[in-house]
Amino acid sequence: MISRSTVTLSSNGKYWQAQYYDLMGRRRAKSLGPKSKLSRRQAKVRCDRFAADIQLNPSKASASQAPKLGEFLERYLSSRTDLKPGSLYLQDLTSRYLRQFFGAEIRIHRITRAMASEWRAALAHGELKQARKNHQYDSMSETTVCGRVVDAITIFNSAVSDDLIAINPFDRLNHQAPKPDKQWHYVSLEELDNLLNACPTTGWKALIALCRLAGLRRGEALKLEWPAIDWEKRRLTIYAQKTSRHGNNKRTVPIEPKLYQLLVDVHESASSDQVRVCDVNAHSLWRNFRVIRQRASLPAWKDAFQVMRRNAETDWAQRFPQYAVSEWLGHDISVSAAFYLAVPEELYMKATG
């Protein structure tokens, strides 16, 4: 922290100057005005005001070193070679939201906490849509807003670490996502049969069944190849890119009898050159699933594939130890409790007789 005692009044002959050291320890001077127009007393008043100003906002002491927002974000993103593609995409998306709101030319030390709060509000109100080409929202959910705030905090923490700014203007923003609503749709085995019967191809049957009966993520099911199936032990070997940075990217998932028979049927009907189990067009996934759901006469629900994965864990949790279930799903037990497990209607009925 720069104290007032470290800012001293001096002159270069024609101008009064405030001499001080910036946050990097480099000696600097700020012009206070010409000596022909300012008395020493007037210059001292300005010097003291400047000293008080940088004491409250130390980043001003190194204002000339703070980069423009656009330059800083570009440099930051190129340096994050440690991030997975999905994480890098989200931080790039947050960077675009920052550029749209603040502009690329603003010096990052000029972004205040009040401005950061306004940015968060603009996100929540859906005012920064242009930063995302395929925006699909009128207002952003609180969970998503918190995710982008976390990214902004991470990005500007790097600026603090590099001594580009003294404080992170985003660090006091609310970034705790609300507890998830567990009142999601439960896809019963009867509804699952209706979905499977409505599927136009065996690839679609495999995709839906793998999410609902094996708890696979949508991307994991789409990438699953035939060698990952151990037909003798009835197990799947899953490599999850989402958890690979934690050193836990491989897991083994049991194949239930209903899923096993379906996979056998799909395998027998597959062509010799078909590498993946789920031979579907991933580019029109949501549109095609909506057609299948409507054909099965089922109501719409949000996060269709994610909900089926949650259903799989809910069913398993009633039959197997939770540590095993969480291992099969590929996440920690705490994640299961917070985001996945819900009490199905059948348990209420069983408890009440």
Protein backbone atom coordinates (compact mmCIF):
# COMPACT_ATOMS: atom_id res chain seq x y z
CA MET A 1 0.00 0.00 0.00
CA ILE A 2 1.31 3.44 -0.93
CA SER A 3 1.19 5.89 1.96
CA ARG A 4 0.99 9.65 1.78
CA SER A 5 4.49 9.94 3.20
CA THR A 6 5.91 8.24 0.08
CA VAL A 7 4.48 10.97 -2.20
CA THR A 8 6.62 14.09 -2.15
CA LEU A 9 6.37 17.47 -3.84
CA SER A 10 9.15 18.44 -6.25
CA SER A 11 9.63 20.29 -9.52
CA ASN A 12 11.49 19.88 -12.81
CA GLY A 13 12.10 23.57 -13.16
CA LYS A 14 8.89 24.71 -14.86
CA TYR A 15 6.32 22.30 -13.39
CA TRP A 16 5.38 21.08 -9.94
CA GLN A 17 5.50 17.28 -9.64
CA ALA A 18 4.38 14.59 -7.22
CA GLN A 19 7.20 12.09 -6.84
CA TYR A 20 6.26 8.54 -5.78
CA TYR A 21 6.93 4.84 -6.33
CA ASP A 22 4.42 2.66 -8.19
CA LEU A 23 3.29 -0.85 -7.22
CA MET A 24 6.32 -2.35 -8.99
CA GLY A 25 8.71 -0.21 -6.96
CA ARG A 26 9.57 2.07 -9.87
CA ARG A 27 10.01 5.78 -9.27
CA ARG A 28 7.45 7.94 -11.04
CA ALA A 29 6.38 11.56 -11.28
CA LYS A 30 2.99 13.14 -11.92
CA SER A 31 2.73 16.67 -13.20
CA LEU A 32 0.66 18.95 -10.95
CA GLY A 33 0.75 22.11 -13.05
CA PRO A 34 3.10 24.93 -14.11
CA LYS A 35 4.96 26.84 -11.43
CA SER A 36 3.99 30.09 -13.14
CA LYS A 37 0.33 29.47 -12.22
CA LEU A 38 0.59 27.52 -8.96
CA SER A 39 2.16 28.60 -5.72
CA ARG A 40 4.03 26.06 -3.65
CA ARG A 41 1.10 25.88 -1.22
CA GLN A 42 -1.37 25.21 -4.07
CA ALA A 43 0.93 22.56 -5.52
CA LYS A 44 1.23 20.94 -2.08
CA VAL A 45 -2.56 20.73 -1.80
CA ARG A 46 -2.73 18.97 -5.18
CA CYS A 47 0.11 16.67 -4.17
CA ASP A 48 -1.72 15.69 -0.97
CA ARG A 49 -4.93 15.07 -2.90
CA PHE A 50 -3.08 12.81 -5.32
CA ALA A 51 -1.49 10.95 -2.40
CA ALA A 52 -4.92 10.39 -0.83
CA ASP A 53 -6.33 9.26 -4.17
CA ILE A 54 -3.74 6.55 -4.79
CA GLN A 55 -3.98 5.45 -1.18
CA LEU A 56 -7.66 4.66 -1.80
CA ASN A 57 -7.02 3.27 -5.28
CA PRO A 58 -3.40 2.00 -5.46
CA SER A 59 -3.80 0.85 -9.07
CA LYS A 60 -3.71 4.51 -10.15
CA ALA A 61 -0.08 4.58 -9.11
CA SER A 62 0.64 2.27 -12.03
CA ALA A 63 -2.08 3.52 -14.35
CA SER A 64 0.23 3.80 -17.33
CA GLN A 65 1.12 0.11 -17.00
CA ALA A 66 -2.44 -1.23 -16.94
CA PRO A 67 -3.27 -2.75 -20.35
CA LYS A 68 -6.42 -2.21 -22.33
CA LEU A 69 -9.15 -4.76 -21.67
CA GLY A 70 -9.08 -6.22 -25.17
CA GLU A 71 -5.31 -6.71 -25.12
CA PHE A 72 -5.38 -8.17 -21.64
CA LEU A 73 -8.14 -10.69 -22.43
CA GLU A 74 -6.44 -11.82 -25.62
CA ARG A 75 -3.16 -12.36 -23.79
CA TYR A 76 -4.90 -14.13 -20.90
CA LEU A 77 -6.80 -16.60 -23.10
CA SER A 78 -3.71 -17.48 -25.13
CA SER A 79 -1.85 -18.24 -21.88
CA ARG A 80 -4.46 -20.71 -20.58
CA THR A 81 -3.04 -23.77 -22.31
CA ASP A 82 -3.97 -25.81 -19.23
CA LEU A 83 -7.72 -25.53 -19.80
CA LYS A 84 -9.88 -28.14 -21.47
CA PRO A 85 -11.69 -26.98 -24.64
CA GLY A 86 -15.02 -26.69 -22.80
CA SER A 87 -13.55 -24.57 -19.99
CA LEU A 88 -11.63 -22.42 -22.46
CA TYR A 89 -14.82 -21.82 -24.45
CA LEU A 90 -16.65 -20.60 -21.33
CA GLN A 91 -13.82 -18.24 -20.37
CA ASP A 92 -13.72 -16.95 -23.94
CA LEU A 93 -17.49 -16.42 -23.75
CA THR A 94 -17.07 -14.49 -20.50
CA SER A 95 -14.34 -12.42 -22.17
CA ARG A 96 -16.76 -11.52 -24.95
CA TYR A 97 -19.36 -10.44 -22.40
CA LEU A 98 -16.70 -8.26 -20.74
CA ARG A 99 -15.66 -6.68 -24.06
CA GLN A 100 -19.23 -5.93 -25.07
CA PHE A 101 -20.05 -4.21 -21.80
CA PHE A 102 -16.83 -2.31 -21.04
CA GLY A 103 -15.35 -1.94 -24.50
CA ALA A 104 -11.94 -3.21 -25.60
CA GLU A 105 -10.19 0.15 -25.15
CA ILE A 106 -10.78 0.70 -21.43
CA ARG A 107 -7.74 0.31 -19.17
CA ILE A 108 -8.44 -2.54 -16.77
CA HIS A 109 -7.51 -0.45 -13.71
CA ARG A 110 -10.46 1.84 -14.51
CA ILE A 111 -13.01 -0.96 -14.03
CA THR A 112 -14.50 -0.38 -10.58
CA ARG A 113 -16.56 -2.63 -8.34
CA ALA A 114 -19.63 -0.54 -9.14
CA MET A 115 -19.05 -1.10 -12.86
CA ALA A 116 -18.57 -4.82 -12.23
CA SER A 117 -21.95 -4.91 -10.47
CA GLU A 118 -23.56 -3.22 -13.46
CA TRP A 119 -21.97 -5.84 -15.74
CA ARG A 120 -23.45 -8.64 -13.65
CA ALA A 121 -26.89 -7.06 -13.80
CA ALA A 122 -26.62 -6.67 -17.57
CA LEU A 123 -25.81 -10.37 -17.87
CA ALA A 124 -28.82 -11.37 -15.78
CA HIS A 125 -31.16 -9.14 -17.81
CA GLY A 126 -29.97 -10.60 -21.11
CA GLU A 127 -28.52 -7.31 -22.34
CA LEU A 128 -25.27 -8.82 -23.66
CA LYS A 129 -26.76 -11.24 -26.18
CA GLN A 130 -24.65 -9.98 -29.06
CA ALA A 131 -21.53 -11.42 -27.49
CA ARG A 132 -22.84 -14.92 -28.18
CA LYS A 133 -23.77 -15.88 -31.70
CA ASN A 134 -26.22 -18.64 -30.79
CA HIS A 135 -27.86 -16.95 -27.82
CA GLN A 136 -31.08 -18.69 -26.81
CA TYR A 137 -32.27 -16.70 -23.83
CA ASP A 138 -34.15 -13.54 -22.95
CA SER A 139 -32.71 -13.44 -19.44
CA MET A 140 -29.83 -15.49 -18.10
CA SER A 141 -30.43 -17.93 -15.24
CA GLU A 142 -28.83 -17.15 -11.89
CA THR A 143 -26.77 -20.34 -12.08
CA THR A 144 -25.34 -19.32 -15.45
CA VAL A 145 -24.70 -15.75 -14.26
CA CYS A 146 -22.74 -17.13 -11.30
CA GLY A 147 -20.69 -19.26 -13.65
CA ARG A 148 -19.69 -16.25 -15.75
CA VAL A 149 -18.92 -14.23 -12.61
CA VAL A 150 -16.60 -17.00 -11.42
CA ASP A 151 -14.82 -16.81 -14.79
CA ALA A 152 -14.48 -13.02 -14.49
CA ILE A 153 -13.04 -13.37 -10.99
CA THR A 154 -10.52 -15.94 -12.26
CA ILE A 155 -9.55 -13.76 -15.21
CA PHE A 156 -8.98 -10.64 -13.13
CA ASN A 157 -7.22 -12.56 -10.38
CA SER A 158 -4.51 -13.18 -12.95
CA ALA A 159 -4.22 -9.42 -13.45
CA VAL A 160 -3.79 -8.98 -9.70
CA SER A 161 -1.19 -11.76 -9.61
CA ASP A 162 0.73 -10.06 -12.42
CA ASP A 163 0.62 -6.72 -10.56
CA LEU A 164 -1.36 -5.12 -13.38
CA ILE A 165 -4.06 -4.01 -10.92
CA ALA A 166 -4.17 -3.81 -7.14
CA ILE A 167 -7.66 -5.19 -6.55
CA ASN A 168 -10.07 -7.47 -8.38
CA PRO A 169 -13.25 -5.44 -9.07
CA PHE A 170 -15.29 -8.65 -9.49
CA ASP A 171 -14.22 -10.41 -6.28
CA ARG A 172 -17.17 -9.19 -4.17
CA LEU A 173 -19.88 -10.09 -6.65
CA ASN A 174 -22.23 -12.88 -5.68
CA HIS A 175 -21.01 -16.04 -7.40
CA GLN A 176 -22.65 -18.72 -5.28
CA ALA A 177 -25.07 -20.55 -7.53
CA PRO A 178 -28.47 -21.30 -5.97
CA LYS A 179 -29.20 -24.84 -4.88
CA PRO A 180 -30.54 -26.83 -7.82
CA ASP A 181 -34.23 -27.53 -8.08
CA LYS A 182 -34.59 -31.30 -7.75
CA GLN A 183 -38.17 -31.37 -8.98
CA TRP A 184 -37.03 -32.65 -12.36
CA HIS A 185 -39.01 -35.05 -14.50
CA TYR A 186 -38.69 -38.72 -13.60
CA VAL A 187 -38.56 -40.89 -16.72
CA SER A 188 -40.11 -44.14 -15.55
CA LEU A 189 -39.24 -47.47 -17.17
CA GLU A 190 -42.65 -47.40 -18.85
CA GLU A 191 -41.92 -43.95 -20.33
CA LEU A 192 -38.49 -45.21 -21.34
CA ASP A 193 -40.11 -48.03 -23.29
CA ASN A 194 -42.35 -45.48 -25.02
CA LEU A 195 -39.29 -43.43 -25.97
CA LEU A 196 -37.42 -46.47 -27.27
CA ASN A 197 -40.40 -47.59 -29.34
CA ALA A 198 -40.63 -44.09 -30.85
CA CYS A 199 -36.95 -44.04 -31.88
CA PRO A 200 -36.38 -44.07 -35.66
CA THR A 201 -33.03 -45.93 -35.46
CA THR A 202 -31.15 -48.35 -33.21
CA GLY A 203 -28.54 -45.62 -32.68
CA TRP A 204 -31.16 -43.42 -31.03
CA LYS A 205 -32.33 -46.34 -28.89
CA ALA A 206 -28.76 -46.87 -27.69
CA LEU A 207 -28.26 -43.18 -26.92
CA ILE A 208 -31.40 -42.86 -24.80
CA ALA A 209 -30.85 -46.19 -23.03
CA LEU A 210 -27.21 -45.43 -22.19
CA CYS A 211 -28.20 -42.12 -20.57
CA ARG A 212 -31.20 -43.53 -18.71
CA LEU A 213 -29.92 -46.99 -17.71
CA ALA A 214 -26.15 -46.45 -17.46
CA GLY A 215 -26.09 -42.81 -16.37
CA LEU A 216 -23.77 -41.72 -19.17
CA ARG A 217 -23.38 -38.08 -20.08
CA ARG A 218 -24.74 -37.23 -23.51
CA GLY A 219 -21.24 -36.66 -24.92
CA GLU A 220 -19.95 -39.90 -23.39
CA ALA A 221 -22.75 -41.90 -24.99
CA LEU A 222 -22.21 -40.28 -28.39
CA LYS A 223 -18.48 -41.10 -28.31
CA LEU A 224 -18.84 -44.66 -26.98
CA GLU A 225 -17.23 -47.22 -29.27
CA TRP A 226 -17.81 -50.97 -29.42
CA PRO A 227 -14.43 -51.98 -27.89
CA ALA A 228 -15.49 -50.17 -24.69
CA ILE A 229 -18.08 -52.89 -24.05
CA ASP A 230 -16.97 -55.96 -22.11
CA TRP A 231 -19.66 -58.41 -23.22
CA GLU A 232 -18.50 -61.18 -20.89
CA LYS A 233 -18.41 -59.11 -17.67
CA ARG A 234 -21.21 -56.83 -18.87
CA ARG A 235 -19.39 -53.58 -18.20
CA LEU A 236 -18.66 -50.31 -20.00
CA THR A 237 -15.32 -48.52 -19.86
CA ILE A 238 -15.89 -44.77 -20.03
CA TYR A 239 -13.27 -42.07 -20.57
CA ALA A 240 -14.64 -38.72 -19.43
CA GLN A 241 -12.86 -35.62 -20.69
CA LYS A 242 -14.80 -33.52 -18.17
CA THR A 243 -12.98 -35.10 -15.19
CA SER A 244 -9.60 -35.83 -16.81
CA ARG A 245 -7.88 -32.79 -15.28
CA HIS A 246 -8.58 -34.31 -11.86
CA GLY A 247 -6.82 -37.55 -12.81
CA ASN A 248 -10.09 -39.52 -12.74
CA ASN A 249 -11.05 -39.75 -16.40
CA LYS A 250 -11.66 -43.52 -16.55
CA ARG A 251 -14.48 -45.41 -14.90
CA THR A 252 -16.25 -48.73 -15.25
CA VAL A 253 -20.05 -48.84 -15.45
CA PRO A 254 -22.20 -51.97 -15.05
CA ILE A 255 -24.60 -52.93 -17.83
CA GLU A 256 -28.04 -53.76 -16.52
CA PRO A 257 -29.95 -56.66 -18.13
CA LYS A 258 -32.39 -54.40 -20.00
CA LEU A 259 -29.54 -52.31 -21.41
CA TYR A 260 -27.47 -55.40 -22.19
CA GLN A 261 -30.14 -56.93 -24.40
CA LEU A 262 -30.67 -53.63 -26.19
CA LEU A 263 -26.93 -53.27 -26.88
CA VAL A 264 -26.83 -56.83 -28.22
CA ASP A 265 -29.64 -56.00 -30.64
CA VAL A 266 -27.95 -52.78 -31.73
CA HIS A 267 -24.62 -54.58 -32.24
CA GLU A 268 -26.21 -57.31 -34.37
CA SER A 269 -27.88 -54.76 -36.64
CA ALA A 270 -24.81 -52.48 -36.93
CA SER A 271 -22.80 -52.39 -40.13
CA SER A 272 -19.26 -53.77 -40.14
CA ASP A 273 -17.75 -50.30 -40.50
CA GLN A 274 -19.79 -48.69 -37.69
CA VAL A 275 -17.30 -47.63 -35.00
CA ARG A 276 -19.57 -45.92 -32.50
CA VAL A 277 -22.48 -47.46 -30.65
CA CYS A 278 -24.78 -44.48 -31.09
CA ASP A 279 -24.91 -43.83 -34.82
CA VAL A 280 -26.87 -40.55 -34.70
CA ASN A 281 -26.51 -37.05 -36.10
CA ALA A 282 -25.27 -34.96 -33.16
CA HIS A 283 -25.92 -31.67 -35.00
CA SER A 284 -29.71 -32.04 -34.92
CA LEU A 285 -29.85 -33.83 -31.58
CA TRP A 286 -32.38 -31.66 -29.75
CA ARG A 287 -34.74 -31.31 -32.69
CA ASN A 288 -34.79 -35.07 -33.28
CA PHE A 289 -35.25 -35.87 -29.60
CA ARG A 290 -38.20 -33.48 -29.45
CA VAL A 291 -39.81 -35.40 -32.33
CA ILE A 292 -39.19 -38.71 -30.54
CA ARG A 293 -40.65 -37.40 -27.28
CA GLN A 294 -43.74 -36.07 -29.02
CA ARG A 295 -44.17 -39.36 -30.87
CA ALA A 296 -43.99 -41.15 -27.50
CA SER A 297 -46.72 -38.80 -26.15
CA LEU A 298 -44.54 -37.66 -23.27
CA PRO A 299 -44.49 -34.13 -21.75
CA ALA A 300 -41.54 -31.86 -22.38
CA TRP A 301 -38.88 -31.46 -19.71
CA LYS A 302 -35.72 -29.40 -19.44
CA ASP A 303 -32.22 -30.88 -19.89
CA ALA A 304 -33.59 -34.09 -21.35
CA PHE A 305 -30.40 -36.21 -21.36
CA GLN A 306 -29.09 -34.79 -18.09
CA VAL A 307 -32.39 -35.62 -16.41
CA MET A 308 -32.18 -39.23 -17.60
CA ARG A 309 -28.68 -39.45 -16.14
CA ARG A 310 -30.06 -38.15 -12.83
CA ASN A 311 -32.85 -40.71 -13.02
CA ALA A 312 -30.28 -43.48 -13.39
CA GLU A 313 -28.48 -42.38 -10.23
CA THR A 314 -31.74 -42.05 -8.31
CA ASP A 315 -32.67 -45.64 -9.21
CA TRP A 316 -29.21 -47.01 -8.40
CA ALA A 317 -29.09 -45.18 -5.05
CA GLN A 318 -32.07 -47.23 -3.86
CA ARG A 319 -30.32 -50.51 -4.65
CA PHE A 320 -26.57 -50.03 -4.22
CA PRO A 321 -24.13 -48.26 -1.82
CA GLN A 322 -23.80 -44.57 -2.70
CA TYR A 323 -20.00 -44.72 -2.96
CA ALA A 324 -20.39 -47.29 -5.76
CA VAL A 325 -23.14 -45.32 -7.50
CA SER A 326 -21.09 -42.10 -7.47
CA GLU A 327 -18.12 -44.03 -8.87
CA TRP A 328 -20.25 -45.39 -11.71
CA LEU A 329 -21.56 -41.90 -12.50
CA GLY A 330 -18.05 -40.42 -12.39
CA HIS A 331 -18.40 -37.74 -9.74
CA ASP A 332 -17.97 -37.21 -6.01
CA ILE A 333 -20.60 -38.23 -3.47
CA SER A 334 -21.07 -34.57 -2.54
CA VAL A 335 -21.98 -33.83 -6.18
CA SER A 336 -24.53 -36.63 -6.09
CA ALA A 337 -26.19 -35.19 -3.01
CA ALA A 338 -26.20 -31.62 -4.29
CA PHE A 339 -27.20 -32.08 -7.92
CA TYR A 340 -28.42 -35.58 -8.69
CA LEU A 341 -30.29 -37.42 -5.98
CA ALA A 342 -34.01 -36.81 -5.59
CA VAL A 343 -36.65 -38.68 -3.60
CA PRO A 344 -38.93 -40.44 -6.10
CA GLU A 345 -42.67 -40.76 -5.57
CA GLU A 346 -42.32 -44.53 -5.13
CA LEU A 347 -40.42 -44.06 -1.88
CA TYR A 348 -43.10 -41.81 -0.43
CA MET A 349 -45.70 -44.41 -1.34
CA LYS A 350 -43.61 -47.19 0.19
CA ALA A 351 -43.06 -45.22 3.41
CA THR A 352 -46.77 -44.51 3.85
CA GLY A 353 -47.84 -48.06 3.08
